[in-house]
Amino acid sequence: MRGYVDGNALAGALSELLTPTTDAGTGRCATCGADAVLAEAHVWSSAMGHVARCRGCDDVLAVIVQHDDRVRMRLHGLEGFALVERDAAGSGRDAAAMSAAPGSVEA
């Protein structure tokens, strides 16, 4: 059995996942199963942050809040999320797909 390493081992993989253009990323609603481009979500924004809701069932997909020097993202309504990487010509290709487990990501 292989031993584990600490969470710093994820830094490279996460930086590759989180750098592509995310507006063309696709997600799957954990409630109704609808697949959609992130740009099609219904988003409510305020000084406190952003709440993205599914355009199909209106359930919460993601919450993003910035406080002091941290950005907190909760992707609890997404069953999966795929990012699209843009090349120099502007065309897209799948850069990575990750299954968003219930919980939060903090940057």
Protein backbone atom coordinates (compact mmCIF):
# COMPACT_ATOMS: atom_id res chain seq x y z
CA MET A 1 0.00 0.00 0.00
CA ARG A 2 1.35 3.43 -0.93
CA GLY A 3 1.66 6.15 1.68
CA TYR A 4 -0.06 9.48 1.38
CA VAL A 5 1.40 12.93 0.81
CA ASP A 6 -0.03 16.19 2.10
CA GLY A 7 -2.48 18.41 0.23
CA ASN A 8 0.32 20.48 -1.33
CA ALA A 9 0.52 17.74 -3.96
CA LEU A 10 -2.78 19.06 -5.37
CA ALA A 11 -1.44 22.57 -6.06
CA GLY A 12 -0.21 21.84 -9.59
CA ALA A 13 -3.30 19.90 -10.63
CA LEU A 14 -5.67 22.51 -9.18
CA SER A 15 -3.82 25.40 -10.82
CA GLU A 16 -4.21 23.65 -14.18
CA LEU A 17 -7.92 23.06 -13.53
CA LEU A 18 -8.72 26.55 -12.33
CA THR A 19 -6.84 28.59 -14.96
CA PRO A 20 -8.82 27.83 -18.14
CA THR A 21 -11.69 30.07 -19.20
CA THR A 22 -14.51 29.03 -16.90
CA ASP A 23 -17.46 30.77 -18.58
CA ALA A 24 -17.62 27.99 -21.18
CA GLY A 25 -17.34 25.28 -18.51
CA THR A 26 -20.25 22.88 -18.20
CA GLY A 27 -21.86 21.62 -15.03
CA ARG A 28 -24.51 19.10 -14.01
CA CYS A 29 -27.14 20.05 -11.45
CA ALA A 30 -27.14 17.59 -8.53
CA THR A 31 -30.90 18.04 -8.09
CA CYS A 32 -32.45 17.76 -11.56
CA GLY A 33 -29.49 16.43 -13.58
CA ALA A 34 -29.57 19.26 -16.15
CA ASP A 35 -26.30 19.79 -18.03
CA ALA A 36 -25.58 23.41 -18.94
CA VAL A 37 -22.85 25.89 -19.72
CA LEU A 38 -21.92 27.88 -16.61
CA ALA A 39 -22.79 31.12 -18.42
CA GLU A 40 -26.43 29.94 -18.58
CA ALA A 41 -26.84 29.72 -14.80
CA HIS A 42 -29.02 32.33 -13.09
CA VAL A 43 -26.69 34.37 -10.85
CA TRP A 44 -27.60 36.76 -8.07
CA SER A 45 -24.75 39.08 -7.06
CA SER A 46 -24.28 41.46 -4.17
CA ALA A 47 -21.44 42.99 -2.20
CA MET A 48 -21.39 39.76 -0.16
CA GLY A 49 -20.80 37.46 -3.13
CA HIS A 50 -22.56 35.43 -5.82
CA VAL A 51 -25.16 32.67 -5.82
CA ALA A 52 -25.61 30.58 -8.98
CA ARG A 53 -28.88 28.72 -9.45
CA CYS A 54 -29.88 26.03 -11.95
CA ARG A 55 -31.92 27.46 -14.81
CA GLY A 56 -34.00 24.27 -14.85
CA CYS A 57 -35.02 23.73 -11.23
CA ASP A 58 -33.75 26.93 -9.51
CA ASP A 59 -31.74 24.95 -6.93
CA VAL A 60 -28.43 26.45 -5.73
CA LEU A 61 -25.43 25.25 -7.77
CA ALA A 62 -22.63 27.36 -6.28
CA VAL A 63 -21.95 30.11 -3.77
CA ILE A 64 -18.85 32.33 -4.03
CA VAL A 65 -17.99 34.74 -1.22
CA GLN A 66 -14.94 36.97 -0.88
CA HIS A 67 -13.97 37.96 2.64
CA ASP A 68 -10.73 39.73 3.51
CA ASP A 69 -8.00 37.92 1.57
CA ARG A 70 -9.93 34.70 0.88
CA VAL A 71 -12.38 33.53 -1.73
CA ARG A 72 -14.68 30.75 -0.60
CA MET A 73 -16.48 28.60 -3.14
CA ARG A 74 -19.15 26.10 -2.30
CA LEU A 75 -20.07 23.88 -5.25
CA HIS A 76 -22.55 21.68 -3.39
CA GLY A 77 -25.21 21.82 -6.11
CA LEU A 78 -22.90 20.59 -8.86
CA GLU A 79 -22.64 16.88 -9.49
CA GLY A 80 -19.84 17.48 -11.95
CA PHE A 81 -18.04 20.34 -13.64
CA ALA A 82 -15.90 20.36 -16.80
CA LEU A 83 -13.61 23.25 -17.72
CA VAL A 84 -12.76 24.21 -21.29
CA GLU A 85 -9.29 25.43 -22.18
CA ARG A 86 -9.02 27.99 -24.97
CA ASP A 87 -6.11 27.82 -27.40
CA ALA A 88 -4.51 30.85 -29.10
CA ALA A 89 -7.10 30.72 -31.89
CA GLY A 90 -9.94 30.92 -29.36
CA SER A 91 -11.37 27.46 -29.95
CA GLY A 92 -12.15 25.33 -26.94
CA ARG A 93 -11.21 21.84 -25.91
CA ASP A 94 -11.81 19.97 -22.67
CA ALA A 95 -8.96 20.78 -20.32
CA ALA A 96 -10.18 18.74 -17.39
CA ALA A 97 -13.25 17.28 -15.81
CA MET A 98 -13.69 16.98 -12.11
CA SER A 99 -16.45 15.50 -10.04
CA ALA A 100 -17.42 18.17 -7.58
CA ALA A 101 -18.11 16.30 -4.39
CA PRO A 102 -20.38 18.06 -1.91
CA GLY A 103 -18.31 20.50 0.10
CA SER A 104 -16.29 23.61 -0.45
CA VAL A 105 -13.15 24.78 -2.11
CA GLU A 106 -11.21 27.67 -0.64
CA ALA A 107 -8.63 29.67 -2.55
